[in-house]
């Protein structure tokens, strides 16, 4: 049987991550009460809540509006820069890809280019 006594630190961390993905007001919502984009942001929150060493993100902004997508990209970028989290970020959005420090372009499973982008 699971204990209902969740430590305060875990609850606080969950609330912090919900706020980071812009869903602090959805703390008590069921998945069926969330839009597809909100569910995607919850999935990102679950992925980062334990401060991973590596994050594999396949189209993490694909179903999001541009404002939410930019917010999620910035969150992932902050994890990379300030928390030392390595990130593999797969996207078809060239605008987002251009913000990365390295961009590997693939076509039909083959690497077409591998460019390091100077961080300013």
N, C-alpha and C. Protein backbone atom coordinates (compact mmCIF):
# COMPACT_ATOMS: atom_id res chain seq x y z
N UNK A 1 0.84 -1.17 0.00
CA UNK A 1 0.00 0.00 0.00
C UNK A 1 0.89 1.24 0.00
N UNK A 2 0.50 2.27 -0.77
CA UNK A 2 1.27 3.50 -0.87
C UNK A 2 0.95 4.42 0.30
N UNK A 3 1.97 5.09 0.76
CA UNK A 3 1.79 6.05 1.84
C UNK A 3 1.28 7.36 1.26
N UNK A 4 0.32 7.97 1.89
CA UNK A 4 -0.20 9.27 1.46
C UNK A 4 0.61 10.42 2.06
N UNK A 5 1.60 10.09 2.87
CA UNK A 5 2.42 11.09 3.53
C UNK A 5 3.60 11.45 2.63
N UNK A 6 3.37 12.38 1.70
CA UNK A 6 4.41 12.81 0.78
C UNK A 6 5.20 13.94 1.43
N UNK A 7 6.50 13.88 1.34
CA UNK A 7 7.31 14.90 2.02
C UNK A 7 7.05 16.28 1.44
N UNK A 8 7.19 17.26 2.28
CA UNK A 8 6.97 18.65 1.92
C UNK A 8 7.87 19.07 0.76
N UNK A 9 9.12 18.64 0.77
CA UNK A 9 10.05 19.02 -0.29
C UNK A 9 9.59 18.53 -1.66
N UNK A 10 9.04 17.34 -1.73
CA UNK A 10 8.56 16.80 -3.00
C UNK A 10 7.37 17.59 -3.50
N UNK A 11 6.48 17.95 -2.61
CA UNK A 11 5.30 18.73 -2.99
C UNK A 11 5.74 20.11 -3.48
N UNK A 12 6.66 20.73 -2.77
CA UNK A 12 7.16 22.05 -3.18
C UNK A 12 7.85 21.97 -4.54
N UNK A 13 8.65 20.93 -4.77
CA UNK A 13 9.34 20.78 -6.06
C UNK A 13 8.32 20.59 -7.18
N UNK A 14 7.28 19.81 -6.94
CA UNK A 14 6.25 19.60 -7.96
C UNK A 14 5.55 20.92 -8.29
N UNK A 15 5.24 21.71 -7.28
CA UNK A 15 4.61 23.01 -7.51
C UNK A 15 5.54 23.95 -8.27
N UNK A 16 6.83 23.90 -7.94
CA UNK A 16 7.82 24.73 -8.63
C UNK A 16 7.88 24.40 -10.11
N UNK A 17 7.91 23.11 -10.42
CA UNK A 17 8.00 22.69 -11.82
C UNK A 17 6.71 23.00 -12.57
N UNK A 18 5.57 22.83 -11.93
CA UNK A 18 4.30 23.22 -12.57
C UNK A 18 4.32 24.70 -12.93
N UNK A 19 4.83 25.52 -12.04
CA UNK A 19 4.93 26.96 -12.31
C UNK A 19 5.89 27.22 -13.48
N UNK A 20 6.99 26.47 -13.54
CA UNK A 20 7.97 26.66 -14.60
C UNK A 20 7.38 26.37 -15.98
N UNK A 21 6.47 25.41 -16.06
CA UNK A 21 5.85 25.10 -17.36
C UNK A 21 4.54 25.86 -17.56
N UNK A 22 4.23 26.79 -16.64
CA UNK A 22 3.06 27.64 -16.80
C UNK A 22 1.74 27.01 -16.42
N UNK A 23 1.78 26.02 -15.53
CA UNK A 23 0.55 25.32 -15.17
C UNK A 23 0.32 25.26 -13.66
N UNK A 24 0.76 26.28 -12.94
CA UNK A 24 0.59 26.30 -11.49
C UNK A 24 -0.87 26.20 -11.09
N UNK A 25 -1.75 26.73 -11.92
CA UNK A 25 -3.18 26.72 -11.60
C UNK A 25 -3.85 25.38 -11.91
N UNK A 26 -3.13 24.42 -12.45
CA UNK A 26 -3.70 23.11 -12.82
C UNK A 26 -3.28 22.00 -11.87
N UNK A 27 -2.81 22.37 -10.69
CA UNK A 27 -2.29 21.42 -9.71
C UNK A 27 -3.26 20.28 -9.38
N UNK A 28 -4.53 20.56 -9.33
CA UNK A 28 -5.52 19.54 -8.95
C UNK A 28 -6.35 19.04 -10.12
N UNK A 29 -5.91 19.30 -11.35
CA UNK A 29 -6.66 18.90 -12.53
C UNK A 29 -6.36 17.46 -12.92
N UNK A 30 -7.36 16.81 -13.47
CA UNK A 30 -7.19 15.48 -14.05
C UNK A 30 -6.71 15.61 -15.48
N UNK A 31 -6.02 14.60 -16.01
CA UNK A 31 -5.57 14.67 -17.40
C UNK A 31 -6.70 14.97 -18.39
N UNK A 32 -7.87 14.42 -18.15
CA UNK A 32 -9.00 14.65 -19.05
C UNK A 32 -9.49 16.10 -19.03
N UNK A 33 -9.06 16.86 -18.04
CA UNK A 33 -9.45 18.26 -17.93
C UNK A 33 -8.43 19.20 -18.56
N UNK A 34 -7.36 18.64 -19.13
CA UNK A 34 -6.29 19.44 -19.72
C UNK A 34 -6.31 19.33 -21.24
N UNK A 35 -5.92 20.41 -21.90
CA UNK A 35 -5.79 20.38 -23.36
C UNK A 35 -4.56 19.56 -23.73
N UNK A 36 -4.42 19.26 -25.01
CA UNK A 36 -3.26 18.51 -25.47
C UNK A 36 -1.95 19.22 -25.17
N UNK A 37 -1.93 20.54 -25.38
CA UNK A 37 -0.73 21.31 -25.08
C UNK A 37 -0.40 21.32 -23.60
N UNK A 38 -1.44 21.40 -22.77
CA UNK A 38 -1.23 21.36 -21.32
C UNK A 38 -0.70 19.99 -20.90
N UNK A 39 -1.23 18.93 -21.49
CA UNK A 39 -0.74 17.59 -21.19
C UNK A 39 0.72 17.44 -21.60
N UNK A 40 1.09 18.07 -22.71
CA UNK A 40 2.48 18.01 -23.15
C UNK A 40 3.38 18.74 -22.16
N UNK A 41 2.94 19.87 -21.65
CA UNK A 41 3.74 20.61 -20.67
C UNK A 41 3.84 19.83 -19.36
N UNK A 42 2.79 19.09 -18.99
CA UNK A 42 2.84 18.23 -17.80
C UNK A 42 3.89 17.14 -18.02
N UNK A 43 3.95 16.58 -19.22
CA UNK A 43 4.95 15.55 -19.52
C UNK A 43 6.36 16.12 -19.37
N UNK A 44 6.56 17.36 -19.78
CA UNK A 44 7.86 18.00 -19.63
C UNK A 44 8.16 18.21 -18.15
N UNK A 45 7.16 18.63 -17.39
CA UNK A 45 7.34 18.80 -15.94
C UNK A 45 7.77 17.48 -15.29
N UNK A 46 7.12 16.38 -15.68
CA UNK A 46 7.49 15.07 -15.13
C UNK A 46 8.93 14.72 -15.49
N UNK A 47 9.36 15.11 -16.69
CA UNK A 47 10.71 14.78 -17.14
C UNK A 47 11.78 15.56 -16.38
N UNK A 48 11.46 16.75 -15.91
CA UNK A 48 12.49 17.59 -15.28
C UNK A 48 12.39 17.68 -13.77
N UNK A 49 11.34 17.13 -13.19
CA UNK A 49 11.10 17.31 -11.74
C UNK A 49 12.26 16.79 -10.88
N UNK A 50 12.94 15.76 -11.32
CA UNK A 50 14.03 15.19 -10.52
C UNK A 50 15.41 15.70 -10.95
N UNK A 51 15.43 16.79 -11.70
CA UNK A 51 16.67 17.42 -12.17
C UNK A 51 17.60 16.39 -12.82
N UNK A 52 17.20 15.89 -13.99
CA UNK A 52 17.98 14.82 -14.63
C UNK A 52 19.34 15.32 -15.13
N UNK A 53 20.26 14.37 -15.30
CA UNK A 53 21.56 14.69 -15.88
C UNK A 53 21.45 14.88 -17.39
N UNK A 54 20.51 14.15 -18.00
CA UNK A 54 20.27 14.22 -19.44
C UNK A 54 18.78 14.32 -19.71
N UNK A 55 18.42 15.06 -20.74
CA UNK A 55 17.04 15.19 -21.16
C UNK A 55 16.96 14.90 -22.65
N UNK A 56 16.18 13.91 -23.02
CA UNK A 56 15.95 13.58 -24.42
C UNK A 56 14.56 14.10 -24.77
N UNK A 57 14.51 15.17 -25.56
CA UNK A 57 13.26 15.86 -25.84
C UNK A 57 12.93 15.75 -27.32
N UNK A 58 11.94 14.93 -27.65
CA UNK A 58 11.52 14.73 -29.04
C UNK A 58 10.30 15.61 -29.31
N UNK A 59 10.51 16.69 -30.05
CA UNK A 59 9.45 17.64 -30.39
C UNK A 59 8.71 18.15 -29.15
N UNK A 60 9.43 18.63 -28.13
CA UNK A 60 8.75 19.06 -26.90
C UNK A 60 7.87 20.29 -27.08
N UNK A 61 8.05 21.01 -28.18
CA UNK A 61 7.22 22.20 -28.41
C UNK A 61 6.26 22.01 -29.57
N UNK A 62 6.19 20.81 -30.11
CA UNK A 62 5.41 20.54 -31.31
C UNK A 62 3.93 20.88 -31.24
N UNK A 63 3.28 20.63 -30.11
CA UNK A 63 1.84 20.88 -29.99
C UNK A 63 1.53 22.15 -29.22
N UNK A 64 2.53 23.00 -29.05
CA UNK A 64 2.34 24.19 -28.23
C UNK A 64 2.23 25.44 -29.09
N UNK A 65 1.51 26.44 -28.58
CA UNK A 65 1.49 27.73 -29.25
C UNK A 65 2.88 28.34 -29.14
N UNK A 66 3.16 29.36 -29.94
CA UNK A 66 4.52 29.89 -29.99
C UNK A 66 5.00 30.45 -28.66
N UNK A 67 4.13 31.09 -27.89
CA UNK A 67 4.54 31.62 -26.59
C UNK A 67 4.92 30.50 -25.62
N UNK A 68 4.08 29.47 -25.55
CA UNK A 68 4.38 28.33 -24.67
C UNK A 68 5.62 27.59 -25.16
N UNK A 69 5.76 27.45 -26.47
CA UNK A 69 6.94 26.79 -27.03
C UNK A 69 8.22 27.52 -26.69
N UNK A 70 8.19 28.85 -26.79
CA UNK A 70 9.37 29.64 -26.42
C UNK A 70 9.68 29.48 -24.94
N UNK A 71 8.64 29.46 -24.12
CA UNK A 71 8.82 29.32 -22.67
C UNK A 71 9.46 27.97 -22.34
N UNK A 72 8.98 26.91 -22.99
CA UNK A 72 9.54 25.57 -22.75
C UNK A 72 10.97 25.50 -23.25
N UNK A 73 11.25 26.08 -24.41
CA UNK A 73 12.63 26.08 -24.90
C UNK A 73 13.54 26.79 -23.91
N UNK A 74 13.12 27.94 -23.41
CA UNK A 74 13.93 28.69 -22.46
C UNK A 74 14.15 27.89 -21.17
N UNK A 75 13.13 27.19 -20.72
CA UNK A 75 13.25 26.34 -19.53
C UNK A 75 14.30 25.25 -19.77
N UNK A 76 14.23 24.59 -20.91
CA UNK A 76 15.19 23.54 -21.24
C UNK A 76 16.59 24.14 -21.38
N UNK A 77 16.68 25.30 -21.98
CA UNK A 77 17.98 25.97 -22.12
C UNK A 77 18.56 26.32 -20.75
N UNK A 78 17.73 26.79 -19.84
CA UNK A 78 18.18 27.10 -18.47
C UNK A 78 18.68 25.85 -17.76
N UNK A 79 17.97 24.73 -17.95
CA UNK A 79 18.42 23.48 -17.36
C UNK A 79 19.81 23.12 -17.88
N UNK A 80 20.02 23.31 -19.16
CA UNK A 80 21.30 23.00 -19.78
C UNK A 80 22.40 23.91 -19.24
N UNK A 81 22.17 25.20 -19.23
CA UNK A 81 23.21 26.16 -18.85
C UNK A 81 23.45 26.18 -17.34
N UNK A 82 22.39 26.28 -16.56
CA UNK A 82 22.55 26.50 -15.11
C UNK A 82 22.55 25.23 -14.27
N UNK A 83 21.94 24.17 -14.75
CA UNK A 83 21.90 22.92 -13.99
C UNK A 83 22.85 21.87 -14.55
N UNK A 84 23.46 22.16 -15.70
CA UNK A 84 24.39 21.21 -16.31
C UNK A 84 23.71 20.00 -16.92
N UNK A 85 22.44 20.12 -17.23
CA UNK A 85 21.68 19.03 -17.82
C UNK A 85 21.99 18.96 -19.32
N UNK A 86 22.49 17.81 -19.77
CA UNK A 86 22.71 17.62 -21.20
C UNK A 86 21.38 17.46 -21.90
N UNK A 87 21.24 18.04 -23.08
CA UNK A 87 19.95 18.03 -23.77
C UNK A 87 20.12 17.60 -25.22
N UNK A 88 19.31 16.62 -25.62
CA UNK A 88 19.11 16.29 -27.02
C UNK A 88 17.72 16.78 -27.35
N UNK A 89 17.62 17.76 -28.20
CA UNK A 89 16.36 18.44 -28.50
C UNK A 89 16.06 18.20 -29.98
N UNK A 90 15.06 17.39 -30.28
CA UNK A 90 14.70 17.10 -31.66
C UNK A 90 13.54 18.01 -32.04
N UNK A 91 13.70 18.71 -33.16
CA UNK A 91 12.63 19.60 -33.61
C UNK A 91 12.69 19.77 -35.12
N UNK A 92 11.53 20.09 -35.69
CA UNK A 92 11.45 20.47 -37.10
C UNK A 92 11.40 22.00 -37.22
N UNK A 93 11.33 22.68 -36.09
CA UNK A 93 11.23 24.13 -36.04
C UNK A 93 12.63 24.74 -36.15
N UNK A 94 12.98 25.24 -37.32
CA UNK A 94 14.32 25.77 -37.54
C UNK A 94 14.59 27.01 -36.70
N UNK A 95 13.56 27.78 -36.37
CA UNK A 95 13.73 28.96 -35.52
C UNK A 95 14.22 28.53 -34.13
N UNK A 96 13.62 27.48 -33.58
CA UNK A 96 14.07 26.97 -32.28
C UNK A 96 15.44 26.32 -32.39
N UNK A 97 15.65 25.55 -33.42
CA UNK A 97 16.92 24.86 -33.60
C UNK A 97 18.08 25.85 -33.68
N UNK A 98 17.83 27.00 -34.29
CA UNK A 98 18.88 28.01 -34.45
C UNK A 98 19.31 28.61 -33.11
N UNK A 99 18.51 28.42 -32.06
CA UNK A 99 18.85 28.94 -30.73
C UNK A 99 19.79 28.00 -29.97
N UNK A 100 20.00 26.81 -30.49
CA UNK A 100 20.83 25.82 -29.81
C UNK A 100 22.31 26.11 -30.01
N UNK A 101 23.15 25.56 -29.15
CA UNK A 101 24.60 25.75 -29.28
C UNK A 101 25.20 24.81 -30.33
N UNK A 102 24.45 23.81 -30.71
CA UNK A 102 24.90 22.88 -31.75
C UNK A 102 23.66 22.38 -32.48
N UNK A 103 23.74 22.35 -33.80
CA UNK A 103 22.61 21.88 -34.59
C UNK A 103 23.09 20.82 -35.58
N UNK A 104 22.52 19.63 -35.43
CA UNK A 104 22.82 18.52 -36.33
C UNK A 104 21.59 18.33 -37.20
N UNK A 105 21.75 18.45 -38.50
CA UNK A 105 20.65 18.29 -39.43
C UNK A 105 20.71 16.90 -40.04
N UNK A 106 19.55 16.22 -40.03
CA UNK A 106 19.49 14.86 -40.56
C UNK A 106 18.44 14.78 -41.67
N UNK A 107 18.66 13.85 -42.57
CA UNK A 107 17.69 13.55 -43.62
C UNK A 107 17.75 12.06 -43.89
N UNK A 108 16.60 11.42 -43.80
CA UNK A 108 16.49 9.98 -44.05
C UNK A 108 17.49 9.17 -43.23
N UNK A 109 17.71 9.59 -41.97
CA UNK A 109 18.58 8.85 -41.06
C UNK A 109 20.06 9.14 -41.20
N UNK A 110 20.43 10.03 -42.11
CA UNK A 110 21.84 10.37 -42.30
C UNK A 110 22.09 11.81 -41.87
N UNK A 111 23.27 12.04 -41.28
CA UNK A 111 23.64 13.39 -40.88
C UNK A 111 24.04 14.19 -42.12
N UNK A 112 23.36 15.31 -42.28
CA UNK A 112 23.64 16.19 -43.41
C UNK A 112 24.61 17.31 -43.02
N UNK A 113 24.49 17.79 -41.77
CA UNK A 113 25.40 18.83 -41.30
C UNK A 113 25.49 18.76 -39.78
N UNK A 114 26.58 19.29 -39.26
CA UNK A 114 26.83 19.33 -37.83
C UNK A 114 27.51 20.66 -37.54
N UNK A 115 26.76 21.61 -37.03
CA UNK A 115 27.27 22.96 -36.81
C UNK A 115 27.22 23.37 -35.36
N UNK A 116 28.34 23.82 -34.85
CA UNK A 116 28.38 24.42 -33.53
C UNK A 116 28.10 25.90 -33.71
N UNK A 117 27.22 26.41 -32.88
CA UNK A 117 26.83 27.80 -33.00
C UNK A 117 27.44 28.56 -31.84
N UNK A 118 28.13 29.64 -32.14
CA UNK A 118 28.79 30.43 -31.11
C UNK A 118 27.75 31.00 -30.15
N UNK A 119 27.98 30.81 -28.87
CA UNK A 119 27.10 31.36 -27.85
C UNK A 119 27.56 32.77 -27.55
N UNK A 120 26.62 33.72 -27.68
CA UNK A 120 26.95 35.13 -27.48
C UNK A 120 26.49 35.59 -26.13
